[in-house]
């Protein structure tokens, strides 16, 4: 099993556990709310995963938000449809945000 499949597997587990935010607008709102509550102190507890075939505008929006809130951002080689299948959606999903510290640690181990 490749690392990419492992990453998508972890994303699927996060979906089953309810520890994920799906879609760019919802991710932006979630990052803003977490920042207002002060949830970004300490360990990494949010990672944004972006599909490889997002538009330039979407990529810039995600990159800028992650840089502003100092959140780890990863662009994987899978496309939007593969990311949608991993979270159990039909169609396309440009990005997801993992918002659980233990899942983030597991994902960081697979990424390094």
PDB file of N, CA and C in Angstrom:
ATOM      1  N   UNK A   1       0.849  -1.186   0.000  1.00  0.00           N
ATOM      2  CA  UNK A   1       0.000   0.000   0.000  1.00  0.00           C
ATOM      3  C   UNK A   1       0.889   1.242   0.000  1.00  0.00           C
ATOM      4  N   UNK A   2       0.616   2.142  -0.913  1.00  0.00           N
ATOM      5  CA  UNK A   2       1.446   3.338  -1.024  1.00  0.00           C
ATOM      6  C   UNK A   2       1.092   4.345   0.064  1.00  0.00           C
ATOM      7  N   UNK A   3       1.974   5.312   0.229  1.00  0.00           N
ATOM      8  CA  UNK A   3       1.724   6.360   1.220  1.00  0.00           C
ATOM      9  C   UNK A   3       0.469   7.152   0.884  1.00  0.00           C
ATOM     10  N   UNK A   4       0.212   7.356  -0.412  1.00  0.00           N
ATOM     11  CA  UNK A   4      -0.974   8.104  -0.826  1.00  0.00           C
ATOM     12  C   UNK A   4      -2.250   7.386  -0.401  1.00  0.00           C
ATOM     13  N   UNK A   5      -2.273   6.070  -0.548  1.00  0.00           N
ATOM     14  CA  UNK A   5      -3.427   5.293  -0.104  1.00  0.00           C
ATOM     15  C   UNK A   5      -3.546   5.317   1.415  1.00  0.00           C
ATOM     16  N   UNK A   6      -2.415   5.311   2.106  1.00  0.00           N
ATOM     17  CA  UNK A   6      -2.437   5.425   3.565  1.00  0.00           C
ATOM     18  C   UNK A   6      -3.018   6.763   4.003  1.00  0.00           C
ATOM     19  N   UNK A   7      -2.628   7.820   3.319  1.00  0.00           N
ATOM     20  CA  UNK A   7      -3.131   9.154   3.646  1.00  0.00           C
ATOM     21  C   UNK A   7      -4.639   9.205   3.421  1.00  0.00           C
ATOM     22  N   UNK A   8      -5.093   8.696   2.279  1.00  0.00           N
ATOM     23  CA  UNK A   8      -6.532   8.684   2.005  1.00  0.00           C
ATOM     24  C   UNK A   8      -7.270   7.780   2.990  1.00  0.00           C
ATOM     25  N   UNK A   9      -6.621   6.711   3.449  1.00  0.00           N
ATOM     26  CA  UNK A   9      -7.217   5.849   4.466  1.00  0.00           C
ATOM     27  C   UNK A   9      -7.404   6.576   5.785  1.00  0.00           C
ATOM     28  N   UNK A  10      -6.412   7.352   6.184  1.00  0.00           N
ATOM     29  CA  UNK A  10      -6.527   8.143   7.414  1.00  0.00           C
ATOM     30  C   UNK A  10      -7.628   9.186   7.264  1.00  0.00           C
ATOM     31  N   UNK A  11      -7.728   9.795   6.084  1.00  0.00           N
ATOM     32  CA  UNK A  11      -8.797  10.769   5.825  1.00  0.00           C
ATOM     33  C   UNK A  11     -10.160  10.087   5.975  1.00  0.00           C
ATOM     34  N   UNK A  12     -10.284   8.868   5.467  1.00  0.00           N
ATOM     35  CA  UNK A  12     -11.534   8.128   5.613  1.00  0.00           C
ATOM     36  C   UNK A  12     -11.864   7.812   7.063  1.00  0.00           C
ATOM     37  N   UNK A  13     -10.843   7.461   7.847  1.00  0.00           N
ATOM     38  CA  UNK A  13     -11.054   7.219   9.285  1.00  0.00           C
ATOM     39  C   UNK A  13     -11.507   8.485   9.999  1.00  0.00           C
ATOM     40  N   UNK A  14     -10.921   9.608   9.609  1.00  0.00           N
ATOM     41  CA  UNK A  14     -11.316  10.892  10.202  1.00  0.00           C
ATOM     42  C   UNK A  14     -12.777  11.201   9.896  1.00  0.00           C
ATOM     43  N   UNK A  15     -13.189  10.886   8.683  1.00  0.00           N
ATOM     44  CA  UNK A  15     -14.588  11.100   8.288  1.00  0.00           C
ATOM     45  C   UNK A  15     -15.502  10.236   9.149  1.00  0.00           C
ATOM     46  N   UNK A  16     -15.132   8.978   9.330  1.00  0.00           N
ATOM     47  CA  UNK A  16     -15.947   8.070  10.139  1.00  0.00           C
ATOM     48  C   UNK A  16     -16.017   8.530  11.590  1.00  0.00           C
ATOM     49  N   UNK A  17     -14.935   9.124  12.079  1.00  0.00           N
ATOM     50  CA  UNK A  17     -14.886   9.601  13.464  1.00  0.00           C
ATOM     51  C   UNK A  17     -15.505  10.982  13.632  1.00  0.00           C
ATOM     52  N   UNK A  18     -15.828  11.641  12.535  1.00  0.00           N
ATOM     53  CA  UNK A  18     -16.411  12.980  12.621  1.00  0.00           C
ATOM     54  C   UNK A  18     -15.393  14.055  12.944  1.00  0.00           C
ATOM     55  N   UNK A  19     -14.132  13.832  12.618  1.00  0.00           N
ATOM     56  CA  UNK A  19     -13.051  14.773  12.926  1.00  0.00           C
ATOM     57  C   UNK A  19     -12.529  15.449  11.668  1.00  0.00           C
ATOM     58  N   UNK A  20     -13.427  15.815  10.758  1.00  0.00           N
ATOM     59  CA  UNK A  20     -13.011  16.362   9.477  1.00  0.00           C
ATOM     60  C   UNK A  20     -13.970  17.470   9.050  1.00  0.00           C
ATOM     61  N   UNK A  21     -13.433  18.427   8.323  1.00  0.00           N
ATOM     62  CA  UNK A  21     -14.229  19.488   7.708  1.00  0.00           C
ATOM     63  C   UNK A  21     -14.017  19.350   6.204  1.00  0.00           C
ATOM     64  N   UNK A  22     -15.109  19.303   5.445  1.00  0.00           N
ATOM     65  CA  UNK A  22     -15.029  19.043   4.010  1.00  0.00           C
ATOM     66  C   UNK A  22     -15.437  20.285   3.233  1.00  0.00           C
ATOM     67  N   UNK A  23     -14.582  20.693   2.296  1.00  0.00           N
ATOM     68  CA  UNK A  23     -14.892  21.812   1.417  1.00  0.00           C
ATOM     69  C   UNK A  23     -14.194  23.092   1.827  1.00  0.00           C
ATOM     70  N   UNK A  24     -13.802  23.871   0.836  1.00  0.00           N
ATOM     71  CA  UNK A  24     -13.011  25.076   1.075  1.00  0.00           C
ATOM     72  C   UNK A  24     -13.770  26.126   1.903  1.00  0.00           C
ATOM     73  N   UNK A  25     -15.034  26.456   1.585  1.00  0.00           N
ATOM     74  CA  UNK A  25     -15.719  27.471   2.404  1.00  0.00           C
ATOM     75  C   UNK A  25     -15.862  27.060   3.869  1.00  0.00           C
ATOM     76  N   UNK A  26     -16.175  25.771   4.092  1.00  0.00           N
ATOM     77  CA  UNK A  26     -16.322  25.299   5.473  1.00  0.00           C
ATOM     78  C   UNK A  26     -14.989  25.280   6.211  1.00  0.00           C
ATOM     79  N   UNK A  27     -13.909  24.971   5.489  1.00  0.00           N
ATOM     80  CA  UNK A  27     -12.579  24.992   6.098  1.00  0.00           C
ATOM     81  C   UNK A  27     -12.222  26.412   6.526  1.00  0.00           C
ATOM     82  N   UNK A  28     -12.470  27.387   5.666  1.00  0.00           N
ATOM     83  CA  UNK A  28     -12.165  28.781   5.998  1.00  0.00           C
ATOM     84  C   UNK A  28     -12.942  29.232   7.231  1.00  0.00           C
ATOM     85  N   UNK A  29     -14.230  28.862   7.299  1.00  0.00           N
ATOM     86  CA  UNK A  29     -15.041  29.209   8.473  1.00  0.00           C
ATOM     87  C   UNK A  29     -14.528  28.516   9.729  1.00  0.00           C
ATOM     88  N   UNK A  30     -14.160  27.243   9.612  1.00  0.00           N
ATOM     89  CA  UNK A  30     -13.673  26.488  10.771  1.00  0.00           C
ATOM     90  C   UNK A  30     -12.357  27.061  11.288  1.00  0.00           C
ATOM     91  N   UNK A  31     -11.462  27.446  10.388  1.00  0.00           N
ATOM     92  CA  UNK A  31     -10.188  28.037  10.809  1.00  0.00           C
ATOM     93  C   UNK A  31     -10.424  29.357  11.545  1.00  0.00           C
ATOM     94  N   UNK A  32     -11.355  30.143  11.047  1.00  0.00           N
ATOM     95  CA  UNK A  32     -11.661  31.420  11.697  1.00  0.00           C
ATOM     96  C   UNK A  32     -12.232  31.192  13.098  1.00  0.00           C
ATOM     97  N   UNK A  33     -13.145  30.236  13.232  1.00  0.00           N
ATOM     98  CA  UNK A  33     -13.747  29.948  14.539  1.00  0.00           C
ATOM     99  C   UNK A  33     -12.717  29.392  15.518  1.00  0.00           C
ATOM    100  N   UNK A  34     -11.841  28.498  15.044  1.00  0.00           N
ATOM    101  CA  UNK A  34     -10.796  27.953  15.920  1.00  0.00           C
ATOM    102  C   UNK A  34      -9.841  29.054  16.370  1.00  0.00           C
ATOM    103  N   UNK A  35      -9.553  29.994  15.487  1.00  0.00           N
ATOM    104  CA  UNK A  35      -8.670  31.096  15.841  1.00  0.00           C
ATOM    105  C   UNK A  35      -9.313  31.994  16.894  1.00  0.00           C
ATOM    106  N   UNK A  36     -10.595  32.256  16.749  1.00  0.00           N
ATOM    107  CA  UNK A  36     -11.307  33.093  17.724  1.00  0.00           C
ATOM    108  C   UNK A  36     -11.332  32.445  19.099  1.00  0.00           C
ATOM    109  N   UNK A  37     -11.407  31.119  19.143  1.00  0.00           N
ATOM    110  CA  UNK A  37     -11.408  30.401  20.424  1.00  0.00           C
ATOM    111  C   UNK A  37     -10.013  30.205  20.986  1.00  0.00           C
ATOM    112  N   UNK A  38      -8.979  30.446  20.172  1.00  0.00           N
ATOM    113  CA  UNK A  38      -7.607  30.259  20.629  1.00  0.00           C
ATOM    114  C   UNK A  38      -7.158  28.814  20.616  1.00  0.00           C
ATOM    115  N   UNK A  39      -7.678  28.020  19.708  1.00  0.00           N
ATOM    116  CA  UNK A  39      -7.378  26.590  19.662  1.00  0.00           C
ATOM    117  C   UNK A  39      -6.073  26.250  18.958  1.00  0.00           C
ATOM    118  N   UNK A  40      -5.334  27.230  18.464  1.00  0.00           N
ATOM    119  CA  UNK A  40      -4.123  26.951  17.704  1.00  0.00           C
ATOM    120  C   UNK A  40      -2.865  26.956  18.550  1.00  0.00           C
ATOM    121  N   UNK A  41      -2.996  27.058  19.856  1.00  0.00           N
ATOM    122  CA  UNK A  41      -1.814  27.037  20.711  1.00  0.00           C
ATOM    123  C   UNK A  41      -1.357  25.601  20.934  1.00  0.00           C
ATOM    124  N   UNK A  42      -0.052  25.405  21.052  1.00  0.00           N
ATOM    125  CA  UNK A  42       0.467  24.079  21.365  1.00  0.00           C
ATOM    126  C   UNK A  42       0.700  23.225  20.145  1.00  0.00           C
ATOM    127  N   UNK A  43       0.344  21.945  20.246  1.00  0.00           N
ATOM    128  CA  UNK A  43       0.661  20.985  19.199  1.00  0.00           C
ATOM    129  C   UNK A  43      -0.190  21.190  17.943  1.00  0.00           C
ATOM    130  N   UNK A  44       0.217  20.520  16.891  1.00  0.00           N
ATOM    131  CA  UNK A  44      -0.522  20.597  15.630  1.00  0.00           C
ATOM    132  C   UNK A  44      -1.855  19.890  15.806  1.00  0.00           C
ATOM    133  N   UNK A  45      -2.946  20.627  15.656  1.00  0.00           N
ATOM    134  CA  UNK A  45      -4.253  20.000  15.795  1.00  0.00           C
ATOM    135  C   UNK A  45      -5.144  20.222  14.583  1.00  0.00           C
ATOM    136  N   UNK A  46      -4.605  20.810  13.512  1.00  0.00           N
ATOM    137  CA  UNK A  46      -5.336  20.966  12.261  1.00  0.00           C
ATOM    138  C   UNK A  46      -4.352  20.812  11.102  1.00  0.00           C
ATOM    139  N   UNK A  47      -4.731  19.996  10.123  1.00  0.00           N
ATOM    140  CA  UNK A  47      -3.974  19.865   8.875  1.00  0.00           C
ATOM    141  C   UNK A  47      -4.974  19.970   7.736  1.00  0.00           C
ATOM    142  N   UNK A  48      -4.670  20.807   6.762  1.00  0.00           N
ATOM    143  CA  UNK A  48      -5.509  20.943   5.574  1.00  0.00           C
ATOM    144  C   UNK A  48      -4.871  20.134   4.454  1.00  0.00           C
ATOM    145  N   UNK A  49      -5.664  19.267   3.847  1.00  0.00           N
ATOM    146  CA  UNK A  49      -5.209  18.433   2.739  1.00  0.00           C
ATOM    147  C   UNK A  49      -5.934  18.887   1.482  1.00  0.00           C
ATOM    148  N   UNK A  50      -5.150  19.224   0.465  1.00  0.00           N
ATOM    149  CA  UNK A  50      -5.699  19.731  -0.789  1.00  0.00           C
ATOM    150  C   UNK A  50      -5.417  18.736  -1.913  1.00  0.00           C
ATOM    151  N   UNK A  51      -6.373  18.559  -2.802  1.00  0.00           N
ATOM    152  CA  UNK A  51      -6.202  17.688  -3.956  1.00  0.00           C
ATOM    153  C   UNK A  51      -5.271  18.339  -4.970  1.00  0.00           C
ATOM    154  N   UNK A  52      -4.735  17.530  -5.857  1.00  0.00           N
ATOM    155  CA  UNK A  52      -3.729  18.030  -6.801  1.00  0.00           C
ATOM    156  C   UNK A  52      -4.306  18.848  -7.941  1.00  0.00           C
ATOM    157  N   UNK A  53      -5.566  18.658  -8.261  1.00  0.00           N
ATOM    158  CA  UNK A  53      -6.127  19.313  -9.436  1.00  0.00           C
ATOM    159  C   UNK A  53      -7.063  20.474  -9.119  1.00  0.00           C
ATOM    160  N   UNK A  54      -6.824  21.157  -8.019  1.00  0.00           N
ATOM    161  CA  UNK A  54      -7.629  22.335  -7.702  1.00  0.00           C
ATOM    162  C   UNK A  54      -7.216  23.505  -8.593  1.00  0.00           C
ATOM    163  N   UNK A  55      -8.114  24.453  -8.723  1.00  0.00           N
ATOM    164  CA  UNK A  55      -7.812  25.624  -9.542  1.00  0.00           C
ATOM    165  C   UNK A  55      -6.785  26.510  -8.840  1.00  0.00           C
ATOM    166  N   UNK A  56      -6.193  27.420  -9.596  1.00  0.00           N
ATOM    167  CA  UNK A  56      -5.215  28.347  -9.008  1.00  0.00           C
ATOM    168  C   UNK A  56      -5.857  29.207  -7.935  1.00  0.00           C
ATOM    169  N   UNK A  57      -7.105  29.626  -8.167  1.00  0.00           N
ATOM    170  CA  UNK A  57      -7.807  30.465  -7.203  1.00  0.00           C
ATOM    171  C   UNK A  57      -8.047  29.705  -5.895  1.00  0.00           C
ATOM    172  N   UNK A  58      -8.494  28.465  -6.008  1.00  0.00           N
ATOM    173  CA  UNK A  58      -8.726  27.649  -4.817  1.00  0.00           C
ATOM    174  C   UNK A  58      -7.425  27.378  -4.079  1.00  0.00           C
ATOM    175  N   UNK A  59      -6.384  27.054  -4.809  1.00  0.00           N
ATOM    176  CA  UNK A  59      -5.079  26.795  -4.197  1.00  0.00           C
ATOM    177  C   UNK A  59      -4.581  28.032  -3.447  1.00  0.00           C
ATOM    178  N   UNK A  60      -4.707  29.191  -4.059  1.00  0.00           N
ATOM    179  CA  UNK A  60      -4.266  30.429  -3.405  1.00  0.00           C
ATOM    180  C   UNK A  60      -5.094  30.709  -2.154  1.00  0.00           C
ATOM    181  N   UNK A  61      -6.404  30.501  -2.246  1.00  0.00           N
ATOM    182  CA  UNK A  61      -7.275  30.746  -1.091  1.00  0.00           C
ATOM    183  C   UNK A  61      -6.890  29.850   0.087  1.00  0.00           C
ATOM    184  N   UNK A  62      -6.682  28.573  -0.192  1.00  0.00           N
ATOM    185  CA  UNK A  62      -6.305  27.637   0.873  1.00  0.00           C
ATOM    186  C   UNK A  62      -4.923  27.970   1.425  1.00  0.00           C
ATOM    187  N   UNK A  63      -3.977  28.227   0.536  1.00  0.00           N
ATOM    188  CA  UNK A  63      -2.610  28.538   0.961  1.00  0.00           C
ATOM    189  C   UNK A  63      -2.568  29.797   1.816  1.00  0.00           C
ATOM    190  N   UNK A  64      -3.280  30.825   1.394  1.00  0.00           N
ATOM    191  CA  UNK A  64      -3.294  32.083   2.151  1.00  0.00           C
ATOM    192  C   UNK A  64      -3.925  31.903   3.526  1.00  0.00           C
ATOM    193  N   UNK A  65      -5.045  31.178   3.602  1.00  0.00           N
ATOM    194  CA  UNK A  65      -5.695  30.949   4.896  1.00  0.00           C
ATOM    195  C   UNK A  65      -4.801  30.137   5.835  1.00  0.00           C
ATOM    196  N   UNK A  66      -4.171  29.115   5.299  1.00  0.00           N
ATOM    197  CA  UNK A  66      -3.298  28.285   6.137  1.00  0.00           C
ATOM    198  C   UNK A  66      -2.097  29.088   6.634  1.00  0.00           C
ATOM    199  N   UNK A  67      -1.545  29.938   5.775  1.00  0.00           N
ATOM    200  CA  UNK A  67      -0.415  30.773   6.192  1.00  0.00           C
ATOM    201  C   UNK A  67      -0.860  31.781   7.250  1.00  0.00           C
ATOM    202  N   UNK A  68      -2.024  32.375   7.076  1.00  0.00           N
ATOM    203  CA  UNK A  68      -2.520  33.375   8.022  1.00  0.00           C
ATOM    204  C   UNK A  68      -2.752  32.768   9.406  1.00  0.00           C
ATOM    205  N   UNK A  69      -3.351  31.578   9.451  1.00  0.00           N
ATOM    206  CA  UNK A  69      -3.653  30.934  10.727  1.00  0.00           C
ATOM    207  C   UNK A  69      -2.548  29.991  11.188  1.00  0.00           C
ATOM    208  N   UNK A  70      -1.436  29.932  10.440  1.00  0.00           N
ATOM    209  CA  UNK A  70      -0.293  29.089  10.780  1.00  0.00           C
ATOM    210  C   UNK A  70      -0.709  27.618  10.932  1.00  0.00           C
ATOM    211  N   UNK A  71      -1.393  27.127   9.898  1.00  0.00           N
ATOM    212  CA  UNK A  71      -1.886  25.750   9.868  1.00  0.00           C
ATOM    213  C   UNK A  71      -1.121  24.985   8.798  1.00  0.00           C
ATOM    214  N   UNK A  72      -0.772  23.740   9.083  1.00  0.00           N
ATOM    215  CA  UNK A  72      -0.066  22.904   8.112  1.00  0.00           C
ATOM    216  C   UNK A  72      -0.973  22.634   6.917  1.00  0.00           C
ATOM    217  N   UNK A  73      -0.396  22.780   5.734  1.00  0.00           N
ATOM    218  CA  UNK A  73      -1.119  22.593   4.478  1.00  0.00           C
ATOM    219  C   UNK A  73      -0.354  21.591   3.627  1.00  0.00           C
ATOM    220  N   UNK A  74      -1.052  20.573   3.130  1.00  0.00           N
ATOM    221  CA  UNK A  74      -0.427  19.531   2.324  1.00  0.00           C
ATOM    222  C   UNK A  74      -1.213  19.386   1.031  1.00  0.00           C
ATOM    223  N   UNK A  75      -0.496  19.411  -0.076  1.00  0.00           N
ATOM    224  CA  UNK A  75      -1.122  19.154  -1.375  1.00  0.00           C
ATOM    225  C   UNK A  75      -0.705  17.746  -1.802  1.00  0.00           C
ATOM    226  N   UNK A  76      -1.681  16.853  -1.900  1.00  0.00           N
ATOM    227  CA  UNK A  76      -1.394  15.461  -2.238  1.00  0.00           C
ATOM    228  C   UNK A  76      -1.510  15.250  -3.743  1.00  0.00           C
ATOM    229  N   UNK A  77      -1.010  14.119  -4.217  1.00  0.00           N
ATOM    230  CA  UNK A  77      -1.015  13.855  -5.654  1.00  0.00           C
ATOM    231  C   UNK A  77      -2.341  13.296  -6.152  1.00  0.00           C
ATOM    232  N   UNK A  78      -3.246  12.944  -5.263  1.00  0.00           N
ATOM    233  CA  UNK A  78      -4.568  12.451  -5.667  1.00  0.00           C
ATOM    234  C   UNK A  78      -5.438  13.603  -6.140  1.00  0.00           C
ATOM    235  N   UNK A  79      -6.372  13.291  -7.037  1.00  0.00           N
ATOM    236  CA  UNK A  79      -7.246  14.330  -7.556  1.00  0.00           C
ATOM    237  C   UNK A  79      -8.476  14.519  -6.660  1.00  0.00           C
ATOM    238  N   UNK A  80      -9.331  15.464  -7.051  1.00  0.00           N
ATOM    239  CA  UNK A  80     -10.517  15.806  -6.260  1.00  0.00           C
ATOM    240  C   UNK A  80     -11.484  14.634  -6.123  1.00  0.00           C
ATOM    241  N   UNK A  81     -11.598  13.827  -7.162  1.00  0.00           N
ATOM    242  CA  UNK A  81     -12.511  12.683  -7.110  1.00  0.00           C
ATOM    243  C   UNK A  81     -12.018  11.615  -6.139  1.00  0.00           C
ATOM    244  N   UNK A  82     -10.714  11.380  -6.096  1.00  0.00           N
ATOM    245  CA  UNK A  82     -10.160  10.401  -5.148  1.00  0.00           C
ATOM    246  C   UNK A  82     -10.340  10.885  -3.715  1.00  0.00           C
ATOM    247  N   UNK A  83     -10.169  12.169  -3.496  1.00  0.00           N
ATOM    248  CA  UNK A  83     -10.376  12.731  -2.158  1.00  0.00           C
ATOM    249  C   UNK A  83     -11.848  12.633  -1.766  1.00  0.00           C
ATOM    250  N   UNK A  84     -12.748  12.844  -2.730  1.00  0.00           N
ATOM    251  CA  UNK A  84     -14.184  12.715  -2.460  1.00  0.00           C
ATOM    252  C   UNK A  84     -14.540  11.275  -2.098  1.00  0.00           C
ATOM    253  N   UNK A  85     -13.970  10.309  -2.818  1.00  0.00           N
ATOM    254  CA  UNK A  85     -14.225   8.897  -2.504  1.00  0.00           C
ATOM    255  C   UNK A  85     -13.718   8.544  -1.112  1.00  0.00           C
ATOM    256  N   UNK A  86     -12.597   9.120  -0.712  1.00  0.00           N
ATOM    257  CA  UNK A  86     -12.025   8.817   0.607  1.00  0.00           C
ATOM    258  C   UNK A  86     -12.935   9.277   1.741  1.00  0.00           C
ATOM    259  N   UNK A  87     -13.692  10.349   1.510  1.00  0.00           N
ATOM    260  CA  UNK A  87     -14.588  10.855   2.557  1.00  0.00           C
ATOM    261  C   UNK A  87     -16.035  10.425   2.330  1.00  0.00           C
ATOM    262  N   UNK A  88     -16.255   9.566   1.327  1.00  0.00           N
ATOM    263  CA  UNK A  88     -17.590   9.040   1.103  1.00  0.00           C
ATOM    264  C   UNK A  88     -18.539   9.979   0.400  1.00  0.00           C
ATOM    265  N   UNK A  89     -18.021  10.863  -0.401  1.00  0.00           N
ATOM    266  CA  UNK A  89     -18.848  11.817  -1.154  1.00  0.00           C
ATOM    267  C   UNK A  89     -18.797  11.465  -2.632  1.00  0.00           C
ATOM    268  N   UNK A  90     -19.830  11.857  -3.349  1.00  0.00           N
ATOM    269  CA  UNK A  90     -19.792  11.717  -4.800  1.00  0.00           C
ATOM    270  C   UNK A  90     -19.404  13.068  -5.387  1.00  0.00           C
ATOM    271  N   UNK A  91     -18.838  13.050  -6.572  1.00  0.00           N
ATOM    272  CA  UNK A  91     -18.410  14.305  -7.190  1.00  0.00           C
ATOM    273  C   UNK A  91     -16.959  14.589  -6.871  1.00  0.00           C
ATOM    274  N   UNK A  92     -16.699  15.833  -6.491  1.00  0.00           N
ATOM    275  CA  UNK A  92     -15.320  16.265  -6.245  1.00  0.00           C
ATOM    276  C   UNK A  92     -15.230  17.033  -4.935  1.00  0.00           C
ATOM    277  N   UNK A  93     -14.141  16.822  -4.227  1.00  0.00           N
ATOM    278  CA  UNK A  93     -13.834  17.566  -2.998  1.00  0.00           C
ATOM    279  C   UNK A  93     -12.439  18.140  -3.158  1.00  0.00           C
ATOM    280  N   UNK A  94     -12.333  19.465  -3.118  1.00  0.00           N
ATOM    281  CA  UNK A  94     -11.050  20.129  -3.345  1.00  0.00           C
ATOM    282  C   UNK A  94     -10.127  20.004  -2.141  1.00  0.00           C
ATOM    283  N   UNK A  95     -10.680  20.080  -0.940  1.00  0.00           N
ATOM    284  CA  UNK A  95      -9.834  20.061   0.258  1.00  0.00           C
ATOM    285  C   UNK A  95     -10.630  19.569   1.457  1.00  0.00           C
ATOM    286  N   UNK A  96      -9.888  19.039   2.428  1.00  0.00           N
ATOM    287  CA  UNK A  96     -10.458  18.644   3.708  1.00  0.00           C
ATOM    288  C   UNK A  96      -9.515  19.130   4.805  1.00  0.00           C
ATOM    289  N   UNK A  97     -10.067  19.326   5.979  1.00  0.00           N
ATOM    290  CA  UNK A  97      -9.256  19.713   7.132  1.00  0.00           C
ATOM    291  C   UNK A  97      -9.456  18.671   8.232  1.00  0.00           C
ATOM    292  N   UNK A  98      -8.358  18.113   8.702  1.00  0.00           N
ATOM    293  CA  UNK A  98      -8.383  17.169   9.821  1.00  0.00           C
ATOM    294  C   UNK A  98      -8.268  18.012  11.086  1.00  0.00           C
ATOM    295  N   UNK A  99      -9.217  17.881  12.005  1.00  0.00           N
ATOM    296  CA  UNK A  99      -9.206  18.734  13.191  1.00  0.00           C
ATOM    297  C   UNK A  99      -9.152  17.939  14.496  1.00  0.00           C
ATOM    298  N   UNK A 100      -8.264  16.948  14.521  1.00  0.00           N
ATOM    299  CA  UNK A 100      -8.041  16.148  15.718  1.00  0.00           C
ATOM    300  C   UNK A 100      -6.539  15.929  15.866  1.00  0.00           C
ATOM    301  N   UNK A 101      -6.010  16.175  17.045  1.00  0.00           N
ATOM    302  CA  UNK A 101      -4.557  16.118  17.259  1.00  0.00           C
ATOM    303  C   UNK A 101      -3.986  14.723  17.008  1.00  0.00           C
ATOM    304  N   UNK A 102      -4.680  13.670  17.419  1.00  0.00           N
ATOM    305  CA  UNK A 102      -4.135  12.327  17.238  1.00  0.00           C
ATOM    306  C   UNK A 102      -4.143  11.923  15.771  1.00  0.00           C
ATOM    307  N   UNK A 103      -5.181  12.266  15.035  1.00  0.00           N
ATOM    308  CA  UNK A 103      -5.191  11.990  13.601  1.00  0.00           C
ATOM    309  C   UNK A 103      -4.131  12.825  12.884  1.00  0.00           C
ATOM    310  N   UNK A 104      -3.912  14.033  13.336  1.00  0.00           N
ATOM    311  CA  UNK A 104      -2.874  14.884  12.740  1.00  0.00           C
ATOM    312  C   UNK A 104      -1.498  14.268  12.952  1.00  0.00           C
ATOM    313  N   UNK A 105      -1.242  13.734  14.145  1.00  0.00           N
ATOM    314  CA  UNK A 105       0.036  13.077  14.403  1.00  0.00           C
ATOM    315  C   UNK A 105       0.225  11.872  13.481  1.00  0.00           C
ATOM    316  N   UNK A 106      -0.819  11.069  13.314  1.00  0.00           N
ATOM    317  CA  UNK A 106      -0.734   9.899  12.438  1.00  0.00           C
ATOM    318  C   UNK A 106      -0.472  10.333  10.990  1.00  0.00           C
ATOM    319  N   UNK A 107      -1.113  11.392  10.572  1.00  0.00           N
ATOM    320  CA  UNK A 107      -0.929  11.887   9.216  1.00  0.00           C
ATOM    321  C   UNK A 107       0.471  12.451   9.024  1.00  0.00           C
ATOM    322  N   UNK A 108       0.982  13.147  10.018  1.00  0.00           N
ATOM    323  CA  UNK A 108       2.337  13.691   9.918  1.00  0.00           C
ATOM    324  C   UNK A 108       3.380  12.581   9.841  1.00  0.00           C
ATOM    325  N   UNK A 109       3.138  11.459  10.518  1.00  0.00           N
ATOM    326  CA  UNK A 109       4.054  10.311  10.431  1.00  0.00           C
ATOM    327  C   UNK A 109       4.062   9.748   9.024  1.00  0.00           C
ATOM    328  N   UNK A 110       2.915   9.693   8.361  1.00  0.00           N
ATOM    329  CA  UNK A 110       2.843   9.181   7.000  1.00  0.00           C
ATOM    330  C   UNK A 110       3.455  10.154   6.002  1.00  0.00           C
ATOM    331  N   UNK A 111       3.381  11.438   6.294  1.00  0.00           N
ATOM    332  CA  UNK A 111       3.913  12.453   5.388  1.00  0.00           C
ATOM    333  C   UNK A 111       5.426  12.584   5.470  1.00  0.00           C
ATOM    334  N   UNK A 112       6.008  12.233   6.608  1.00  0.00           N
ATOM    335  CA  UNK A 112       7.461  12.393   6.750  1.00  0.00           C
ATOM    336  C   UNK A 112       8.236  11.172   6.350  1.00  0.00           C
TER     337      UNK A 112
END
